[in-house]
Every structure is written in structure tokens, then in C-alpha cells.
């Protein structure tokens, strides 16, 4: 099981990374908007949970992008 930490999520939401999977990029864009409007710990936790759920479902196609995230 792959897992993204709160710290990695915060870097993702504040950064300008590029990922190969369109669905993941679209989800990040939406989460960045939510986090920009409400940069609370609660929003960060919900974003982390959603990213982890996405990665769990799509581990096979996300392996290259997860390697990028893991090095953050």
C-alpha cells in the first residue's frame, strides 16, 4: 500500500509539479483550490485521505508519479 503523508500533501498542494496521469492532475487542481480557500489542518487531512484513496485504487498506473511524490 502506498501512502502520502500530511507533509507531502502540503508540498503537493503548494507546489507546481507535473504528473503523467490526467486524473491525478485534475484532482490535485481541485484540492489546491479547496486548500487555497481554506488552508486548515482539516482540509489538509481530507486532501491527504483523498490522495491516498486515489493512489490505492490506481497504484499500477501511478507508479511513476508516486516515485516523484515519495522523493518530496
PDB file of N, CA and C in Angstrom:
ATOM      1  N   UNK A   1       0.839  -1.182   0.000  1.00  0.00           N
ATOM      2  CA  UNK A   1       0.000   0.000   0.000  1.00  0.00           C
ATOM      3  C   UNK A   1       0.887   1.250   0.000  1.00  0.00           C
ATOM      4  N   UNK A   2       0.594   2.154  -0.883  1.00  0.00           N
ATOM      5  CA  UNK A   2       1.316   3.419  -0.925  1.00  0.00           C
ATOM      6  C   UNK A   2       0.590   4.419  -0.040  1.00  0.00           C
ATOM      7  N   UNK A   3       1.339   5.343   0.503  1.00  0.00           N
ATOM      8  CA  UNK A   3       0.734   6.307   1.409  1.00  0.00           C
ATOM      9  C   UNK A   3       1.466   7.641   1.320  1.00  0.00           C
ATOM     10  N   UNK A   4       0.683   8.713   1.261  1.00  0.00           N
ATOM     11  CA  UNK A   4       1.212  10.068   1.221  1.00  0.00           C
ATOM     12  C   UNK A   4       1.026  10.679   2.610  1.00  0.00           C
ATOM     13  N   UNK A   5       2.048  11.350   3.104  1.00  0.00           N
ATOM     14  CA  UNK A   5       1.980  11.984   4.423  1.00  0.00           C
ATOM     15  C   UNK A   5       1.334  13.364   4.321  1.00  0.00           C
ATOM     16  N   UNK A   6       0.992  13.916   5.477  1.00  0.00           N
ATOM     17  CA  UNK A   6       0.458  15.287   5.502  1.00  0.00           C
ATOM     18  C   UNK A   6       1.474  16.275   4.929  1.00  0.00           C
ATOM     19  N   UNK A   7       2.739  16.070   5.253  1.00  0.00           N
ATOM     20  CA  UNK A   7       3.791  16.958   4.760  1.00  0.00           C
ATOM     21  C   UNK A   7       3.900  16.880   3.234  1.00  0.00           C
ATOM     22  N   UNK A   8       3.836  15.682   2.684  1.00  0.00           N
ATOM     23  CA  UNK A   8       3.894  15.528   1.236  1.00  0.00           C
ATOM     24  C   UNK A   8       2.663  16.152   0.574  1.00  0.00           C
ATOM     25  N   UNK A   9       1.505  15.984   1.196  1.00  0.00           N
ATOM     26  CA  UNK A   9       0.288  16.582   0.658  1.00  0.00           C
ATOM     27  C   UNK A   9       0.412  18.101   0.631  1.00  0.00           C
ATOM     28  N   UNK A  10       0.927  18.670   1.698  1.00  0.00           N
ATOM     29  CA  UNK A  10       1.087  20.119   1.744  1.00  0.00           C
ATOM     30  C   UNK A  10       2.021  20.594   0.627  1.00  0.00           C
ATOM     31  N   UNK A  11       3.095  19.863   0.385  1.00  0.00           N
ATOM     32  CA  UNK A  11       4.007  20.214  -0.707  1.00  0.00           C
ATOM     33  C   UNK A  11       3.310  20.102  -2.058  1.00  0.00           C
ATOM     34  N   UNK A  12       2.494  19.064  -2.217  1.00  0.00           N
ATOM     35  CA  UNK A  12       1.747  18.897  -3.466  1.00  0.00           C
ATOM     36  C   UNK A  12       0.773  20.053  -3.686  1.00  0.00           C
ATOM     37  N   UNK A  13       0.086  20.457  -2.620  1.00  0.00           N
ATOM     38  CA  UNK A  13      -0.926  21.499  -2.734  1.00  0.00           C
ATOM     39  C   UNK A  13      -0.321  22.888  -2.902  1.00  0.00           C
ATOM     40  N   UNK A  14       0.903  23.065  -2.491  1.00  0.00           N
ATOM     41  CA  UNK A  14       1.552  24.368  -2.618  1.00  0.00           C
ATOM     42  C   UNK A  14       2.516  24.428  -3.794  1.00  0.00           C
ATOM     43  N   UNK A  15       2.792  23.290  -4.396  1.00  0.00           N
ATOM     44  CA  UNK A  15       3.779  23.222  -5.462  1.00  0.00           C
ATOM     45  C   UNK A  15       3.172  23.327  -6.847  1.00  0.00           C
ATOM     46  N   UNK A  16       4.045  23.183  -7.816  1.00  0.00           N
ATOM     47  CA  UNK A  16       3.634  23.253  -9.213  1.00  0.00           C
ATOM     48  C   UNK A  16       4.237  22.079  -9.978  1.00  0.00           C
ATOM     49  N   UNK A  17       4.001  20.888  -9.455  1.00  0.00           N
ATOM     50  CA  UNK A  17       4.544  19.686 -10.067  1.00  0.00           C
ATOM     51  C   UNK A  17       3.700  19.293 -11.276  1.00  0.00           C
ATOM     52  N   UNK A  18       4.298  18.469 -12.095  1.00  0.00           N
ATOM     53  CA  UNK A  18       3.590  17.950 -13.257  1.00  0.00           C
ATOM     54  C   UNK A  18       3.575  16.432 -13.162  1.00  0.00           C
ATOM     55  N   UNK A  19       2.397  15.848 -13.384  1.00  0.00           N
ATOM     56  CA  UNK A  19       2.245  14.400 -13.281  1.00  0.00           C
ATOM     57  C   UNK A  19       1.701  13.848 -14.585  1.00  0.00           C
ATOM     58  N   UNK A  20       2.027  12.590 -14.860  1.00  0.00           N
ATOM     59  CA  UNK A  20       1.664  11.984 -16.139  1.00  0.00           C
ATOM     60  C   UNK A  20       0.185  11.587 -16.209  1.00  0.00           C
ATOM     61  N   UNK A  21      -0.440  11.331 -15.094  1.00  0.00           N
ATOM     62  CA  UNK A  21      -1.839  10.896 -15.091  1.00  0.00           C
ATOM     63  C   UNK A  21      -2.784  12.084 -14.990  1.00  0.00           C
ATOM     64  N   UNK A  22      -3.591  12.272 -16.027  1.00  0.00           N
ATOM     65  CA  UNK A  22      -4.508  13.403 -16.099  1.00  0.00           C
ATOM     66  C   UNK A  22      -5.482  13.427 -14.919  1.00  0.00           C
ATOM     67  N   UNK A  23      -6.027  12.270 -14.564  1.00  0.00           N
ATOM     68  CA  UNK A  23      -6.979  12.225 -13.459  1.00  0.00           C
ATOM     69  C   UNK A  23      -6.367  12.704 -12.150  1.00  0.00           C
ATOM     70  N   UNK A  24      -5.138  12.315 -11.895  1.00  0.00           N
ATOM     71  CA  UNK A  24      -4.449  12.749 -10.675  1.00  0.00           C
ATOM     72  C   UNK A  24      -4.191  14.250 -10.716  1.00  0.00           C
ATOM     73  N   UNK A  25      -3.779  14.750 -11.866  1.00  0.00           N
ATOM     74  CA  UNK A  25      -3.524  16.187 -12.015  1.00  0.00           C
ATOM     75  C   UNK A  25      -4.803  16.995 -11.818  1.00  0.00           C
ATOM     76  N   UNK A  26      -5.907  16.498 -12.351  1.00  0.00           N
ATOM     77  CA  UNK A  26      -7.188  17.195 -12.178  1.00  0.00           C
ATOM     78  C   UNK A  26      -7.625  17.200 -10.720  1.00  0.00           C
ATOM     79  N   UNK A  27      -7.443  16.078 -10.036  1.00  0.00           N
ATOM     80  CA  UNK A  27      -7.794  16.007  -8.623  1.00  0.00           C
ATOM     81  C   UNK A  27      -6.941  16.991  -7.824  1.00  0.00           C
ATOM     82  N   UNK A  28      -5.635  17.049  -8.110  1.00  0.00           N
ATOM     83  CA  UNK A  28      -4.760  17.976  -7.397  1.00  0.00           C
ATOM     84  C   UNK A  28      -5.171  19.420  -7.622  1.00  0.00           C
ATOM     85  N   UNK A  29      -5.559  19.759  -8.840  1.00  0.00           N
ATOM     86  CA  UNK A  29      -6.005  21.124  -9.137  1.00  0.00           C
ATOM     87  C   UNK A  29      -7.221  21.476  -8.280  1.00  0.00           C
ATOM     88  N   UNK A  30      -8.157  20.537  -8.179  1.00  0.00           N
ATOM     89  CA  UNK A  30      -9.347  20.768  -7.360  1.00  0.00           C
ATOM     90  C   UNK A  30      -8.978  20.901  -5.888  1.00  0.00           C
ATOM     91  N   UNK A  31      -8.097  20.025  -5.405  1.00  0.00           N
ATOM     92  CA  UNK A  31      -7.686  20.081  -3.996  1.00  0.00           C
ATOM     93  C   UNK A  31      -6.898  21.351  -3.693  1.00  0.00           C
ATOM     94  N   UNK A  32      -6.086  21.807  -4.636  1.00  0.00           N
ATOM     95  CA  UNK A  32      -5.342  23.056  -4.446  1.00  0.00           C
ATOM     96  C   UNK A  32      -6.302  24.225  -4.267  1.00  0.00           C
ATOM     97  N   UNK A  33      -7.370  24.244  -5.060  1.00  0.00           N
ATOM     98  CA  UNK A  33      -8.373  25.305  -4.950  1.00  0.00           C
ATOM     99  C   UNK A  33      -9.034  25.279  -3.582  1.00  0.00           C
ATOM    100  N   UNK A  34      -9.405  24.084  -3.128  1.00  0.00           N
ATOM    101  CA  UNK A  34     -10.016  23.955  -1.804  1.00  0.00           C
ATOM    102  C   UNK A  34      -9.057  24.392  -0.703  1.00  0.00           C
ATOM    103  N   UNK A  35      -7.809  23.994  -0.809  1.00  0.00           N
ATOM    104  CA  UNK A  35      -6.814  24.336   0.213  1.00  0.00           C
ATOM    105  C   UNK A  35      -6.508  25.831   0.208  1.00  0.00           C
ATOM    106  N   UNK A  36      -6.523  26.437  -0.977  1.00  0.00           N
ATOM    107  CA  UNK A  36      -6.296  27.883  -1.075  1.00  0.00           C
ATOM    108  C   UNK A  36      -7.414  28.642  -0.360  1.00  0.00           C
ATOM    109  N   UNK A  37      -8.638  28.159  -0.502  1.00  0.00           N
ATOM    110  CA  UNK A  37      -9.793  28.807   0.139  1.00  0.00           C
ATOM    111  C   UNK A  37      -9.829  28.553   1.641  1.00  0.00           C
ATOM    112  N   UNK A  38      -9.343  27.391   2.075  1.00  0.00           N
ATOM    113  CA  UNK A  38      -9.381  27.015   3.489  1.00  0.00           C
ATOM    114  C   UNK A  38      -8.129  26.210   3.847  1.00  0.00           C
ATOM    115  N   UNK A  39      -7.027  26.918   4.150  1.00  0.00           N
ATOM    116  CA  UNK A  39      -5.760  26.222   4.439  1.00  0.00           C
ATOM    117  C   UNK A  39      -5.675  25.664   5.863  1.00  0.00           C
ATOM    118  N   UNK A  40      -6.723  24.998   6.284  1.00  0.00           N
ATOM    119  CA  UNK A  40      -6.764  24.449   7.645  1.00  0.00           C
ATOM    120  C   UNK A  40      -6.195  23.038   7.682  1.00  0.00           C
ATOM    121  N   UNK A  41      -5.920  22.578   8.882  1.00  0.00           N
ATOM    122  CA  UNK A  41      -5.429  21.214   9.090  1.00  0.00           C
ATOM    123  C   UNK A  41      -6.477  20.203   8.633  1.00  0.00           C
ATOM    124  N   UNK A  42      -7.733  20.531   8.837  1.00  0.00           N
ATOM    125  CA  UNK A  42      -8.825  19.650   8.432  1.00  0.00           C
ATOM    126  C   UNK A  42      -8.851  19.460   6.909  1.00  0.00           C
ATOM    127  N   UNK A  43      -8.697  20.542   6.161  1.00  0.00           N
ATOM    128  CA  UNK A  43      -8.660  20.459   4.699  1.00  0.00           C
ATOM    129  C   UNK A  43      -7.441  19.669   4.249  1.00  0.00           C
ATOM    130  N   UNK A  44      -6.331  19.878   4.901  1.00  0.00           N
ATOM    131  CA  UNK A  44      -5.109  19.148   4.572  1.00  0.00           C
ATOM    132  C   UNK A  44      -5.296  17.651   4.817  1.00  0.00           C
ATOM    133  N   UNK A  45      -5.933  17.286   5.923  1.00  0.00           N
ATOM    134  CA  UNK A  45      -6.178  15.873   6.236  1.00  0.00           C
ATOM    135  C   UNK A  45      -7.126  15.240   5.221  1.00  0.00           C
ATOM    136  N   UNK A  46      -8.197  15.958   4.872  1.00  0.00           N
ATOM    137  CA  UNK A  46      -9.149  15.440   3.883  1.00  0.00           C
ATOM    138  C   UNK A  46      -8.463  15.253   2.531  1.00  0.00           C
ATOM    139  N   UNK A  47      -7.608  16.195   2.161  1.00  0.00           N
ATOM    140  CA  UNK A  47      -6.869  16.089   0.903  1.00  0.00           C
ATOM    141  C   UNK A  47      -5.921  14.895   0.919  1.00  0.00           C
ATOM    142  N   UNK A  48      -5.240  14.701   2.035  1.00  0.00           N
ATOM    143  CA  UNK A  48      -4.338  13.559   2.185  1.00  0.00           C
ATOM    144  C   UNK A  48      -5.115  12.255   2.037  1.00  0.00           C
ATOM    145  N   UNK A  49      -6.264  12.171   2.688  1.00  0.00           N
ATOM    146  CA  UNK A  49      -7.091  10.967   2.601  1.00  0.00           C
ATOM    147  C   UNK A  49      -7.537  10.712   1.168  1.00  0.00           C
ATOM    148  N   UNK A  50      -7.941  11.758   0.465  1.00  0.00           N
ATOM    149  CA  UNK A  50      -8.405  11.595  -0.913  1.00  0.00           C
ATOM    150  C   UNK A  50      -7.266  11.171  -1.838  1.00  0.00           C
ATOM    151  N   UNK A  51      -6.099  11.764  -1.656  1.00  0.00           N
ATOM    152  CA  UNK A  51      -4.934  11.378  -2.462  1.00  0.00           C
ATOM    153  C   UNK A  51      -4.577   9.922  -2.204  1.00  0.00           C
ATOM    154  N   UNK A  52      -4.566   9.513  -0.942  1.00  0.00           N
ATOM    155  CA  UNK A  52      -4.243   8.119  -0.610  1.00  0.00           C
ATOM    156  C   UNK A  52      -5.275   7.147  -1.175  1.00  0.00           C
ATOM    157  N   UNK A  53      -6.543   7.513  -1.147  1.00  0.00           N
ATOM    158  CA  UNK A  53      -7.583   6.669  -1.733  1.00  0.00           C
ATOM    159  C   UNK A  53      -7.360   6.525  -3.232  1.00  0.00           C
ATOM    160  N   UNK A  54      -7.045   7.634  -3.900  1.00  0.00           N
ATOM    161  CA  UNK A  54      -6.774   7.597  -5.337  1.00  0.00           C
ATOM    162  C   UNK A  54      -5.576   6.701  -5.632  1.00  0.00           C
ATOM    163  N   UNK A  55      -4.501   6.880  -4.877  1.00  0.00           N
ATOM    164  CA  UNK A  55      -3.299   6.079  -5.105  1.00  0.00           C
ATOM    165  C   UNK A  55      -3.550   4.596  -4.855  1.00  0.00           C
ATOM    166  N   UNK A  56      -4.355   4.271  -3.837  1.00  0.00           N
ATOM    167  CA  UNK A  56      -4.684   2.875  -3.556  1.00  0.00           C
ATOM    168  C   UNK A  56      -5.435   2.247  -4.728  1.00  0.00           C
ATOM    169  N   UNK A  57      -6.364   2.990  -5.298  1.00  0.00           N
ATOM    170  CA  UNK A  57      -7.171   2.463  -6.401  1.00  0.00           C
ATOM    171  C   UNK A  57      -6.368   2.320  -7.688  1.00  0.00           C
ATOM    172  N   UNK A  58      -5.436   3.237  -7.900  1.00  0.00           N
ATOM    173  CA  UNK A  58      -4.739   3.286  -9.183  1.00  0.00           C
ATOM    174  C   UNK A  58      -3.229   3.103  -9.042  1.00  0.00           C
ATOM    175  N   UNK A  59      -2.819   2.237  -8.130  1.00  0.00           N
ATOM    176  CA  UNK A  59      -1.397   2.002  -7.868  1.00  0.00           C
ATOM    177  C   UNK A  59      -0.639   1.625  -9.136  1.00  0.00           C
ATOM    178  N   UNK A  60      -1.202   0.761  -9.938  1.00  0.00           N
ATOM    179  CA  UNK A  60      -0.500   0.269 -11.130  1.00  0.00           C
ATOM    180  C   UNK A  60      -0.165   1.386 -12.110  1.00  0.00           C
ATOM    181  N   UNK A  61      -1.093   2.297 -12.343  1.00  0.00           N
ATOM    182  CA  UNK A  61      -0.828   3.359 -13.322  1.00  0.00           C
ATOM    183  C   UNK A  61      -0.127   4.563 -12.708  1.00  0.00           C
ATOM    184  N   UNK A  62      -0.068   4.603 -11.386  1.00  0.00           N
ATOM    185  CA  UNK A  62       0.522   5.758 -10.703  1.00  0.00           C
ATOM    186  C   UNK A  62       1.953   5.510 -10.227  1.00  0.00           C
ATOM    187  N   UNK A  63       2.562   4.409 -10.587  1.00  0.00           N
ATOM    188  CA  UNK A  63       3.869   4.057 -10.028  1.00  0.00           C
ATOM    189  C   UNK A  63       4.934   5.117 -10.310  1.00  0.00           C
ATOM    190  N   UNK A  64       4.996   5.643 -11.522  1.00  0.00           N
ATOM    191  CA  UNK A  64       5.998   6.669 -11.837  1.00  0.00           C
ATOM    192  C   UNK A  64       5.731   7.961 -11.076  1.00  0.00           C
ATOM    193  N   UNK A  65       4.456   8.370 -11.022  1.00  0.00           N
ATOM    194  CA  UNK A  65       4.119   9.598 -10.301  1.00  0.00           C
ATOM    195  C   UNK A  65       4.325   9.419  -8.800  1.00  0.00           C
ATOM    196  N   UNK A  66       4.039   8.230  -8.268  1.00  0.00           N
ATOM    197  CA  UNK A  66       4.247   8.014  -6.843  1.00  0.00           C
ATOM    198  C   UNK A  66       5.740   8.104  -6.500  1.00  0.00           C
ATOM    199  N   UNK A  67       6.594   7.660  -7.396  1.00  0.00           N
ATOM    200  CA  UNK A  67       8.035   7.771  -7.168  1.00  0.00           C
ATOM    201  C   UNK A  67       8.423   9.237  -7.024  1.00  0.00           C
ATOM    202  N   UNK A  68       7.825  10.101  -7.819  1.00  0.00           N
ATOM    203  CA  UNK A  68       8.089  11.543  -7.717  1.00  0.00           C
ATOM    204  C   UNK A  68       7.623  12.074  -6.367  1.00  0.00           C
ATOM    205  N   UNK A  69       6.418  11.677  -5.953  1.00  0.00           N
ATOM    206  CA  UNK A  69       5.880  12.133  -4.670  1.00  0.00           C
ATOM    207  C   UNK A  69       6.725  11.627  -3.511  1.00  0.00           C
ATOM    208  N   UNK A  70       7.148  10.395  -3.571  1.00  0.00           N
ATOM    209  CA  UNK A  70       7.926   9.796  -2.478  1.00  0.00           C
ATOM    210  C   UNK A  70       9.253  10.517  -2.268  1.00  0.00           C
ATOM    211  N   UNK A  71       9.766  11.139  -3.298  1.00  0.00           N
ATOM    212  CA  UNK A  71      11.044  11.864  -3.181  1.00  0.00           C
ATOM    213  C   UNK A  71      10.857  13.296  -2.701  1.00  0.00           C
ATOM    214  N   UNK A  72       9.648  13.686  -2.342  1.00  0.00           N
ATOM    215  CA  UNK A  72       9.403  15.052  -1.880  1.00  0.00           C
ATOM    216  C   UNK A  72       9.809  15.205  -0.438  1.00  0.00           C
TER     217      UNK A  72
END
